[in-house]
Structure formats: structure tokens, C-alpha cells
Amino acid sequence: MTDSITVNVNDDPVRVAASDTLRDLVRRLDLPAGDVSVSVGGAVVPEDDWDHRRPADGDRIEIVTLTQGG
């Protein structure tokens, strides 16, 4: 069994543990969970699902930081 996988986060390869969830990935990147949106393969993943969703090797993940302004 593989200990780690490589995913593409915002077009950059990132090595993560095979057991990591999306929430683990957001934490590893030191991003505040409430201020980002995550999509995998172009589909937005609701934050309520981050603890249960594990990325697969080669997944294309986009993480967007939400900002407020006017």
C-alpha cells in the first residue's frame, strides 16, 4: 500500500499522505477552513464533506481563498 500520493493543487504538485482528507490538506496548506472553497475535478466539495473526502492520486484540486471587498 502506498503511504503518499501526489495531487495537483492549483496546478502545483503536492505530496500528501494517502490517508489525508481534504480538511487535512487545507490545514497542511495553513489555510483557514471558513475562508476557502475547494473543488476536486471541477466539482465544488461542500465543507461538511471535507472530513470524509480523500483525494486520489492525480486529482486536480482547486482551492480558492474567499475575500470580501467593495
C-alpha atoms as a PDB file:
ATOM      1  CA  MET A   1       0.000   0.000   0.000  1.00  0.00           C
ATOM      2  CA  THR A   2       1.251   3.487  -0.843  1.00  0.00           C
ATOM      3  CA  ASP A   3       1.983   5.874   2.023  1.00  0.00           C
ATOM      4  CA  SER A   4       1.624   9.036  -0.042  1.00  0.00           C
ATOM      5  CA  ILE A   5       0.065  10.309  -3.233  1.00  0.00           C
ATOM      6  CA  THR A   6       0.564  13.337  -5.445  1.00  0.00           C
ATOM      7  CA  VAL A   7      -2.323  15.691  -6.143  1.00  0.00           C
ATOM      8  CA  ASN A   8      -2.321  18.891  -8.168  1.00  0.00           C
ATOM      9  CA  VAL A   9      -3.361  21.860  -6.046  1.00  0.00           C
ATOM     10  CA  ASN A  10      -3.917  24.984  -8.138  1.00  0.00           C
ATOM     11  CA  ASP A  11      -1.698  23.373 -10.814  1.00  0.00           C
ATOM     12  CA  ASP A  12       1.161  22.653  -8.380  1.00  0.00           C
ATOM     13  CA  PRO A  13       2.049  19.066  -7.459  1.00  0.00           C
ATOM     14  CA  VAL A  14       1.634  18.431  -3.736  1.00  0.00           C
ATOM     15  CA  ARG A  15       2.547  15.202  -1.978  1.00  0.00           C
ATOM     16  CA  VAL A  16       0.106  14.183   0.773  1.00  0.00           C
ATOM     17  CA  ALA A  17      -0.458  11.116   2.915  1.00  0.00           C
ATOM     18  CA  ALA A  18      -2.752   8.616   1.233  1.00  0.00           C
ATOM     19  CA  SER A  19      -4.958   8.763   4.333  1.00  0.00           C
ATOM     20  CA  ASP A  20      -5.306  12.583   4.271  1.00  0.00           C
ATOM     21  CA  THR A  21      -8.729  14.136   3.847  1.00  0.00           C
ATOM     22  CA  LEU A  22      -9.473  17.433   2.146  1.00  0.00           C
ATOM     23  CA  ARG A  23      -9.601  19.072   5.590  1.00  0.00           C
ATOM     24  CA  ASP A  24      -6.089  17.727   6.306  1.00  0.00           C
ATOM     25  CA  LEU A  25      -4.893  19.227   3.019  1.00  0.00           C
ATOM     26  CA  VAL A  26      -6.402  22.642   3.797  1.00  0.00           C
ATOM     27  CA  ARG A  27      -4.756  22.567   7.246  1.00  0.00           C
ATOM     28  CA  ARG A  28      -1.411  21.467   5.797  1.00  0.00           C
ATOM     29  CA  LEU A  29      -1.507  24.468   3.470  1.00  0.00           C
ATOM     30  CA  ASP A  30      -2.203  26.654   6.543  1.00  0.00           C
ATOM     31  CA  LEU A  31      -5.476  27.990   5.152  1.00  0.00           C
ATOM     32  CA  PRO A  32      -8.437  28.967   7.334  1.00  0.00           C
ATOM     33  CA  ALA A  33     -11.214  26.490   6.509  1.00  0.00           C
ATOM     34  CA  GLY A  34     -14.046  29.023   6.656  1.00  0.00           C
ATOM     35  CA  ASP A  35     -12.328  31.292   4.143  1.00  0.00           C
ATOM     36  CA  VAL A  36     -11.693  28.872   1.267  1.00  0.00           C
ATOM     37  CA  SER A  37     -13.624  26.919  -1.321  1.00  0.00           C
ATOM     38  CA  VAL A  38     -12.365  23.533  -2.530  1.00  0.00           C
ATOM     39  CA  SER A  39     -13.171  21.771  -5.779  1.00  0.00           C
ATOM     40  CA  VAL A  40     -11.960  18.391  -6.980  1.00  0.00           C
ATOM     41  CA  GLY A  41     -12.073  17.684 -10.683  1.00  0.00           C
ATOM     42  CA  GLY A  42     -14.097  20.854 -11.206  1.00  0.00           C
ATOM     43  CA  ALA A  43     -16.825  19.944  -8.699  1.00  0.00           C
ATOM     44  CA  VAL A  44     -17.137  22.024  -5.529  1.00  0.00           C
ATOM     45  CA  VAL A  45     -16.912  19.931  -2.373  1.00  0.00           C
ATOM     46  CA  PRO A  46     -19.040  21.310   0.491  1.00  0.00           C
ATOM     47  CA  GLU A  47     -17.026  21.951   3.666  1.00  0.00           C
ATOM     48  CA  ASP A  48     -19.244  19.466   5.524  1.00  0.00           C
ATOM     49  CA  ASP A  49     -17.757  16.731   3.293  1.00  0.00           C
ATOM     50  CA  TRP A  50     -14.073  17.636   3.751  1.00  0.00           C
ATOM     51  CA  ASP A  51     -13.616  15.279   6.711  1.00  0.00           C
ATOM     52  CA  HIS A  52     -14.848  12.310   4.675  1.00  0.00           C
ATOM     53  CA  ARG A  53     -13.398  13.041   1.237  1.00  0.00           C
ATOM     54  CA  ARG A  54      -9.944  11.679   0.489  1.00  0.00           C
ATOM     55  CA  PRO A  55      -8.237  12.853  -2.673  1.00  0.00           C
ATOM     56  CA  ALA A  56      -6.969  10.241  -5.103  1.00  0.00           C
ATOM     57  CA  ASP A  57      -3.551  10.177  -6.718  1.00  0.00           C
ATOM     58  CA  GLY A  58      -3.511  12.675  -9.588  1.00  0.00           C
ATOM     59  CA  ASP A  59      -6.638  14.580  -8.529  1.00  0.00           C
ATOM     60  CA  ARG A  60      -6.839  18.187  -9.712  1.00  0.00           C
ATOM     61  CA  ILE A  61      -7.794  20.266  -6.711  1.00  0.00           C
ATOM     62  CA  GLU A  62      -8.540  23.966  -6.818  1.00  0.00           C
ATOM     63  CA  ILE A  63      -8.510  25.927  -3.578  1.00  0.00           C
ATOM     64  CA  VAL A  64      -9.781  29.464  -3.752  1.00  0.00           C
ATOM     65  CA  THR A  65      -9.482  31.945  -0.910  1.00  0.00           C
ATOM     66  CA  LEU A  66     -12.684  33.888  -0.397  1.00  0.00           C
ATOM     67  CA  THR A  67     -12.263  37.625   0.037  1.00  0.00           C
ATOM     68  CA  GLN A  68     -14.592  40.428   0.870  1.00  0.00           C
ATOM     69  CA  GLY A  69     -14.384  43.839  -0.625  1.00  0.00           C
ATOM     70  CA  GLY A  70     -16.217  46.597  -2.223  1.00  0.00           C
END
